[in-house]
Amino acid sequence: MDVAVVASADTDLIPAIDEVTAHTPVLVEVAGWHNGKWGQRLNAPAPKVWCHWLTADDYQAVGDATDYNL
């Protein structure tokens, strides 16, 4: 794998990110919510972590309106 995407900014995932980047050349990218009130970057010490901010408009653009309860 070349890139791992973590869809969370929870700091409890930092050990997993550190483990992956310590043993592989994989690039880790974090997708986190940014809404004006919240938008703290996941501050992982790994040098290969890149953060992408997602907004409510981003969510609406990729949302799945399928009703899976059928």
PDB file of N, CA and C in Angstrom:
ATOM      1  N   MET A   1       0.853  -1.163   0.000  1.00  0.00           N
ATOM      2  CA  MET A   1       0.000   0.000   0.000  1.00  0.00           C
ATOM      3  C   MET A   1       0.897   1.224   0.000  1.00  0.00           C
ATOM      4  N   ASP A   2       0.442   2.272  -0.673  1.00  0.00           N
ATOM      5  CA  ASP A   2       1.215   3.512  -0.746  1.00  0.00           C
ATOM      6  C   ASP A   2       0.704   4.568   0.220  1.00  0.00           C
ATOM      7  N   VAL A   3      -0.629   4.595   0.427  1.00  0.00           N
ATOM      8  CA  VAL A   3      -1.245   5.627   1.254  1.00  0.00           C
ATOM      9  C   VAL A   3      -2.279   4.983   2.167  1.00  0.00           C
ATOM     10  N   ALA A   4      -2.278   5.386   3.427  1.00  0.00           N
ATOM     11  CA  ALA A   4      -3.318   4.980   4.373  1.00  0.00           C
ATOM     12  C   ALA A   4      -4.090   6.232   4.761  1.00  0.00           C
ATOM     13  N   VAL A   5      -5.417   6.182   4.675  1.00  0.00           N
ATOM     14  CA  VAL A   5      -6.243   7.327   5.037  1.00  0.00           C
ATOM     15  C   VAL A   5      -6.974   7.016   6.333  1.00  0.00           C
ATOM     16  N   VAL A   6      -6.812   7.883   7.309  1.00  0.00           N
ATOM     17  CA  VAL A   6      -7.479   7.756   8.593  1.00  0.00           C
ATOM     18  C   VAL A   6      -8.576   8.818   8.622  1.00  0.00           C
ATOM     19  N   ALA A   7      -9.813   8.390   8.703  1.00  0.00           N
ATOM     20  CA  ALA A   7     -10.935   9.327   8.714  1.00  0.00           C
ATOM     21  C   ALA A   7     -11.306   9.651  10.154  1.00  0.00           C
ATOM     22  N   SER A   8     -10.387  10.290  10.840  1.00  0.00           N
ATOM     23  CA  SER A   8     -10.586  10.656  12.233  1.00  0.00           C
ATOM     24  C   SER A   8      -9.449  11.568  12.658  1.00  0.00           C
ATOM     25  N   ALA A   9      -9.710  12.414  13.619  1.00  0.00           N
ATOM     26  CA  ALA A   9      -8.652  13.232  14.208  1.00  0.00           C
ATOM     27  C   ALA A   9      -8.479  12.873  15.682  1.00  0.00           C
ATOM     28  N   ASP A  10      -8.964  11.695  16.066  1.00  0.00           N
ATOM     29  CA  ASP A  10      -8.852  11.250  17.454  1.00  0.00           C
ATOM     30  C   ASP A  10      -7.405  10.915  17.791  1.00  0.00           C
ATOM     31  N   THR A  11      -6.925  11.475  18.870  1.00  0.00           N
ATOM     32  CA  THR A  11      -5.529  11.277  19.252  1.00  0.00           C
ATOM     33  C   THR A  11      -5.224   9.850  19.681  1.00  0.00           C
ATOM     34  N   ASP A  12      -6.241   9.050  19.994  1.00  0.00           N
ATOM     35  CA  ASP A  12      -5.969   7.659  20.389  1.00  0.00           C
ATOM     36  C   ASP A  12      -5.495   6.818  19.207  1.00  0.00           C
ATOM     37  N   LEU A  13      -5.552   7.357  17.987  1.00  0.00           N
ATOM     38  CA  LEU A  13      -5.056   6.643  16.815  1.00  0.00           C
ATOM     39  C   LEU A  13      -3.586   6.941  16.522  1.00  0.00           C
ATOM     40  N   ILE A  14      -2.989   7.872  17.244  1.00  0.00           N
ATOM     41  CA  ILE A  14      -1.587   8.230  17.006  1.00  0.00           C
ATOM     42  C   ILE A  14      -0.650   7.027  17.143  1.00  0.00           C
ATOM     43  N   PRO A  15      -0.792   6.161  18.157  1.00  0.00           N
ATOM     44  CA  PRO A  15       0.108   4.993  18.221  1.00  0.00           C
ATOM     45  C   PRO A  15       0.023   4.095  16.988  1.00  0.00           C
ATOM     46  N   ALA A  16      -1.157   3.921  16.435  1.00  0.00           N
ATOM     47  CA  ALA A  16      -1.299   3.100  15.225  1.00  0.00           C
ATOM     48  C   ALA A  16      -0.622   3.775  14.036  1.00  0.00           C
ATOM     49  N   ILE A  17      -0.775   5.084  13.915  1.00  0.00           N
ATOM     50  CA  ILE A  17      -0.125   5.823  12.833  1.00  0.00           C
ATOM     51  C   ILE A  17       1.390   5.739  12.981  1.00  0.00           C
ATOM     52  N   ASP A  18       1.881   5.917  14.195  1.00  0.00           N
ATOM     53  CA  ASP A  18       3.323   5.819  14.445  1.00  0.00           C
ATOM     54  C   ASP A  18       3.859   4.438  14.084  1.00  0.00           C
ATOM     55  N   GLU A  19       3.104   3.408  14.405  1.00  0.00           N
ATOM     56  CA  GLU A  19       3.534   2.038  14.122  1.00  0.00           C
ATOM     57  C   GLU A  19       3.639   1.805  12.603  1.00  0.00           C
ATOM     58  N   VAL A  20       2.644   2.267  11.877  1.00  0.00           N
ATOM     59  CA  VAL A  20       2.646   2.092  10.423  1.00  0.00           C
ATOM     60  C   VAL A  20       3.811   2.846   9.791  1.00  0.00           C
ATOM     61  N   THR A  21       3.999   4.099  10.170  1.00  0.00           N
ATOM     62  CA  THR A  21       5.041   4.905   9.530  1.00  0.00           C
ATOM     63  C   THR A  21       6.446   4.498   9.970  1.00  0.00           C
ATOM     64  N   ALA A  22       6.576   3.862  11.108  1.00  0.00           N
ATOM     65  CA  ALA A  22       7.894   3.426  11.580  1.00  0.00           C
ATOM     66  C   ALA A  22       8.407   2.218  10.813  1.00  0.00           C
ATOM     67  N   HIS A  23       7.511   1.406  10.283  1.00  0.00           N
ATOM     68  CA  HIS A  23       7.912   0.136   9.682  1.00  0.00           C
ATOM     69  C   HIS A  23       7.666   0.030   8.179  1.00  0.00           C
ATOM     70  N   THR A  24       7.039   1.037   7.590  1.00  0.00           N
ATOM     71  CA  THR A  24       6.757   0.995   6.160  1.00  0.00           C
ATOM     72  C   THR A  24       6.951   2.387   5.568  1.00  0.00           C
ATOM     73  N   PRO A  25       7.154   2.469   4.269  1.00  0.00           N
ATOM     74  CA  PRO A  25       7.280   3.786   3.634  1.00  0.00           C
ATOM     75  C   PRO A  25       5.930   4.410   3.272  1.00  0.00           C
ATOM     76  N   VAL A  26       4.857   3.924   3.875  1.00  0.00           N
ATOM     77  CA  VAL A  26       3.517   4.384   3.526  1.00  0.00           C
ATOM     78  C   VAL A  26       3.300   5.832   3.991  1.00  0.00           C
ATOM     79  N   LEU A  27       2.566   6.588   3.197  1.00  0.00           N
ATOM     80  CA  LEU A  27       2.162   7.936   3.541  1.00  0.00           C
ATOM     81  C   LEU A  27       0.817   7.844   4.247  1.00  0.00           C
ATOM     82  N   VAL A  28       0.685   8.512   5.381  1.00  0.00           N
ATOM     83  CA  VAL A  28      -0.573   8.512   6.122  1.00  0.00           C
ATOM     84  C   VAL A  28      -1.237   9.875   5.944  1.00  0.00           C
ATOM     85  N   GLU A  29      -2.516   9.841   5.559  1.00  0.00           N
ATOM     86  CA  GLU A  29      -3.283  11.062   5.419  1.00  0.00           C
ATOM     87  C   GLU A  29      -4.487  10.994   6.343  1.00  0.00           C
ATOM     88  N   VAL A  30      -4.772  12.105   7.002  1.00  0.00           N
ATOM     89  CA  VAL A  30      -5.870  12.188   7.959  1.00  0.00           C
ATOM     90  C   VAL A  30      -6.954  13.075   7.379  1.00  0.00           C
ATOM     91  N   ALA A  31      -8.184  12.599   7.424  1.00  0.00           N
ATOM     92  CA  ALA A  31      -9.338  13.403   7.025  1.00  0.00           C
ATOM     93  C   ALA A  31     -10.101  13.758   8.297  1.00  0.00           C
ATOM     94  N   GLY A  32     -10.191  15.044   8.592  1.00  0.00           N
ATOM     95  CA  GLY A  32     -10.859  15.481   9.821  1.00  0.00           C
ATOM     96  C   GLY A  32     -11.872  16.579   9.538  1.00  0.00           C
ATOM     97  N   TRP A  33     -12.832  16.726  10.433  1.00  0.00           N
ATOM     98  CA  TRP A  33     -13.892  17.720  10.280  1.00  0.00           C
ATOM     99  C   TRP A  33     -13.394  19.091  10.681  1.00  0.00           C
ATOM    100  N   HIS A  34     -13.822  20.089   9.916  1.00  0.00           N
ATOM    101  CA  HIS A  34     -13.524  21.480  10.241  1.00  0.00           C
ATOM    102  C   HIS A  34     -14.814  22.264  10.077  1.00  0.00           C
ATOM    103  N   ASN A  35     -15.289  22.850  11.167  1.00  0.00           N
ATOM    104  CA  ASN A  35     -16.577  23.536  11.077  1.00  0.00           C
ATOM    105  C   ASN A  35     -16.568  24.934  11.686  1.00  0.00           C
ATOM    106  N   GLY A  36     -15.424  25.524  11.886  1.00  0.00           N
ATOM    107  CA  GLY A  36     -15.360  26.844  12.493  1.00  0.00           C
ATOM    108  C   GLY A  36     -15.173  26.780  13.994  1.00  0.00           C
ATOM    109  N   LYS A  37     -15.810  25.814  14.649  1.00  0.00           N
ATOM    110  CA  LYS A  37     -15.647  25.624  16.089  1.00  0.00           C
ATOM    111  C   LYS A  37     -14.566  24.590  16.367  1.00  0.00           C
ATOM    112  N   TRP A  38     -14.505  23.600  15.510  1.00  0.00           N
ATOM    113  CA  TRP A  38     -13.569  22.500  15.716  1.00  0.00           C
ATOM    114  C   TRP A  38     -12.743  22.337  14.462  1.00  0.00           C
ATOM    115  N   GLY A  39     -11.485  22.108  14.602  1.00  0.00           N
ATOM    116  CA  GLY A  39     -10.622  21.910  13.454  1.00  0.00           C
ATOM    117  C   GLY A  39      -9.180  21.776  13.878  1.00  0.00           C
ATOM    118  N   GLN A  40      -8.963  21.021  14.931  1.00  0.00           N
ATOM    119  CA  GLN A  40      -7.606  20.815  15.417  1.00  0.00           C
ATOM    120  C   GLN A  40      -6.952  19.696  14.623  1.00  0.00           C
ATOM    121  N   ARG A  41      -5.783  19.986  14.102  1.00  0.00           N
ATOM    122  CA  ARG A  41      -5.043  19.005  13.318  1.00  0.00           C
ATOM    123  C   ARG A  41      -4.578  17.878  14.231  1.00  0.00           C
ATOM    124  N   LEU A  42      -4.634  16.653  13.744  1.00  0.00           N
ATOM    125  CA  LEU A  42      -4.105  15.515  14.489  1.00  0.00           C
ATOM    126  C   LEU A  42      -2.591  15.673  14.520  1.00  0.00           C
ATOM    127  N   ASN A  43      -2.050  15.914  15.677  1.00  0.00           N
ATOM    128  CA  ASN A  43      -0.639  16.229  15.819  1.00  0.00           C
ATOM    129  C   ASN A  43       0.159  14.964  16.093  1.00  0.00           C
ATOM    130  N   ALA A  44       0.274  14.132  15.082  1.00  0.00           N
ATOM    131  CA  ALA A  44       1.065  12.911  15.203  1.00  0.00           C
ATOM    132  C   ALA A  44       2.521  13.253  14.920  1.00  0.00           C
ATOM    133  N   PRO A  45       3.434  12.671  15.668  1.00  0.00           N
ATOM    134  CA  PRO A  45       4.850  12.987  15.458  1.00  0.00           C
ATOM    135  C   PRO A  45       5.427  12.415  14.166  1.00  0.00           C
ATOM    136  N   ALA A  46       4.728  11.510  13.541  1.00  0.00           N
ATOM    137  CA  ALA A  46       5.230  10.906  12.299  1.00  0.00           C
ATOM    138  C   ALA A  46       5.373  11.991  11.225  1.00  0.00           C
ATOM    139  N   PRO A  47       6.509  12.029  10.530  1.00  0.00           N
ATOM    140  CA  PRO A  47       6.718  13.083   9.530  1.00  0.00           C
ATOM    141  C   PRO A  47       5.908  12.892   8.253  1.00  0.00           C
ATOM    142  N   LYS A  48       5.282  11.747   8.080  1.00  0.00           N
ATOM    143  CA  LYS A  48       4.585  11.451   6.829  1.00  0.00           C
ATOM    144  C   LYS A  48       3.077  11.662   6.907  1.00  0.00           C
ATOM    145  N   VAL A  49       2.585  12.379   7.908  1.00  0.00           N
ATOM    146  CA  VAL A  49       1.141  12.550   8.089  1.00  0.00           C
ATOM    147  C   VAL A  49       0.687  13.872   7.466  1.00  0.00           C
ATOM    148  N   TRP A  50      -0.330  13.797   6.634  1.00  0.00           N
ATOM    149  CA  TRP A  50      -0.899  14.975   5.995  1.00  0.00           C
ATOM    150  C   TRP A  50      -2.368  15.068   6.386  1.00  0.00           C
ATOM    151  N   CYS A  51      -2.840  16.266   6.706  1.00  0.00           N
ATOM    152  CA  CYS A  51      -4.219  16.451   7.167  1.00  0.00           C
ATOM    153  C   CYS A  51      -5.056  17.147   6.099  1.00  0.00           C
ATOM    154  N   HIS A  52      -6.232  16.579   5.819  1.00  0.00           N
ATOM    155  CA  HIS A  52      -7.204  17.169   4.894  1.00  0.00           C
ATOM    156  C   HIS A  52      -8.426  17.575   5.722  1.00  0.00           C
ATOM    157  N   TRP A  53      -8.828  18.824   5.619  1.00  0.00           N
ATOM    158  CA  TRP A  53     -10.013  19.274   6.336  1.00  0.00           C
ATOM    159  C   TRP A  53     -11.255  19.050   5.494  1.00  0.00           C
ATOM    160  N   LEU A  54     -12.288  18.515   6.121  1.00  0.00           N
ATOM    161  CA  LEU A  54     -13.572  18.292   5.456  1.00  0.00           C
ATOM    162  C   LEU A  54     -14.615  19.196   6.094  1.00  0.00           C
ATOM    163  N   THR A  55     -15.477  19.762   5.271  1.00  0.00           N
ATOM    164  CA  THR A  55     -16.553  20.620   5.747  1.00  0.00           C
ATOM    165  C   THR A  55     -17.896  19.930   5.535  1.00  0.00           C
ATOM    166  N   ALA A  56     -18.957  20.551   5.986  1.00  0.00           N
ATOM    167  CA  ALA A  56     -20.301  20.000   5.762  1.00  0.00           C
ATOM    168  C   ALA A  56     -20.593  19.910   4.263  1.00  0.00           C
ATOM    169  N   ASP A  57     -20.092  20.859   3.483  1.00  0.00           N
ATOM    170  CA  ASP A  57     -20.284  20.808   2.026  1.00  0.00           C
ATOM    171  C   ASP A  57     -19.579  19.595   1.419  1.00  0.00           C
ATOM    172  N   ASP A  58     -18.389  19.272   1.923  1.00  0.00           N
ATOM    173  CA  ASP A  58     -17.679  18.074   1.453  1.00  0.00           C
ATOM    174  C   ASP A  58     -18.496  16.825   1.749  1.00  0.00           C
ATOM    175  N   TYR A  59     -19.044  16.765   2.949  1.00  0.00           N
ATOM    176  CA  TYR A  59     -19.857  15.607   3.353  1.00  0.00           C
ATOM    177  C   TYR A  59     -21.067  15.455   2.429  1.00  0.00           C
ATOM    178  N   GLN A  60     -21.742  16.557   2.155  1.00  0.00           N
ATOM    179  CA  GLN A  60     -22.914  16.518   1.275  1.00  0.00           C
ATOM    180  C   GLN A  60     -22.535  16.087  -0.140  1.00  0.00           C
ATOM    181  N   ALA A  61     -21.358  16.465  -0.592  1.00  0.00           N
ATOM    182  CA  ALA A  61     -20.923  16.146  -1.952  1.00  0.00           C
ATOM    183  C   ALA A  61     -20.674  14.647  -2.139  1.00  0.00           C
ATOM    184  N   VAL A  62     -20.321  13.948  -1.076  1.00  0.00           N
ATOM    185  CA  VAL A  62     -20.002  12.525  -1.200  1.00  0.00           C
ATOM    186  C   VAL A  62     -20.974  11.640  -0.426  1.00  0.00           C
ATOM    187  N   GLY A  63     -22.001  12.230   0.139  1.00  0.00           N
ATOM    188  CA  GLY A  63     -22.961  11.472   0.944  1.00  0.00           C
ATOM    189  C   GLY A  63     -23.673  10.395   0.135  1.00  0.00           C
ATOM    190  N   ASP A  64     -24.000   9.327   0.797  1.00  0.00           N
ATOM    191  CA  ASP A  64     -24.705   8.206   0.180  1.00  0.00           C
ATOM    192  C   ASP A  64     -26.146   8.222   0.703  1.00  0.00           C
ATOM    193  N   ALA A  65     -27.085   8.564  -0.163  1.00  0.00           N
ATOM    194  CA  ALA A  65     -28.489   8.667   0.238  1.00  0.00           C
ATOM    195  C   ALA A  65     -29.238   7.348   0.127  1.00  0.00           C
ATOM    196  N   THR A  66     -28.531   6.249  -0.122  1.00  0.00           N
ATOM    197  CA  THR A  66     -29.153   4.944  -0.263  1.00  0.00           C
ATOM    198  C   THR A  66     -29.773   4.498   1.046  1.00  0.00           C
ATOM    199  N   ASP A  67     -30.996   3.981   0.990  1.00  0.00           N
ATOM    200  CA  ASP A  67     -31.648   3.428   2.175  1.00  0.00           C
ATOM    201  C   ASP A  67     -31.288   1.938   2.253  1.00  0.00           C
ATOM    202  N   TYR A  68     -30.412   1.585   3.174  1.00  0.00           N
ATOM    203  CA  TYR A  68     -29.943   0.208   3.302  1.00  0.00           C
ATOM    204  C   TYR A  68     -30.841  -0.651   4.224  1.00  0.00           C
ATOM    205  N   ASN A  69     -31.960  -0.104   4.651  1.00  0.00           N
ATOM    206  CA  ASN A  69     -32.879  -0.833   5.529  1.00  0.00           C
ATOM    207  C   ASN A  69     -33.873  -1.687   4.760  1.00  0.00           C
ATOM    208  N   LEU A  70     -33.728  -1.800   3.471  1.00  0.00           N
ATOM    209  CA  LEU A  70     -34.682  -2.580   2.676  1.00  0.00           C
ATOM    210  C   LEU A  70     -34.519  -4.067   2.876  1.00  0.00           C
TER     211      LEU A  70
END
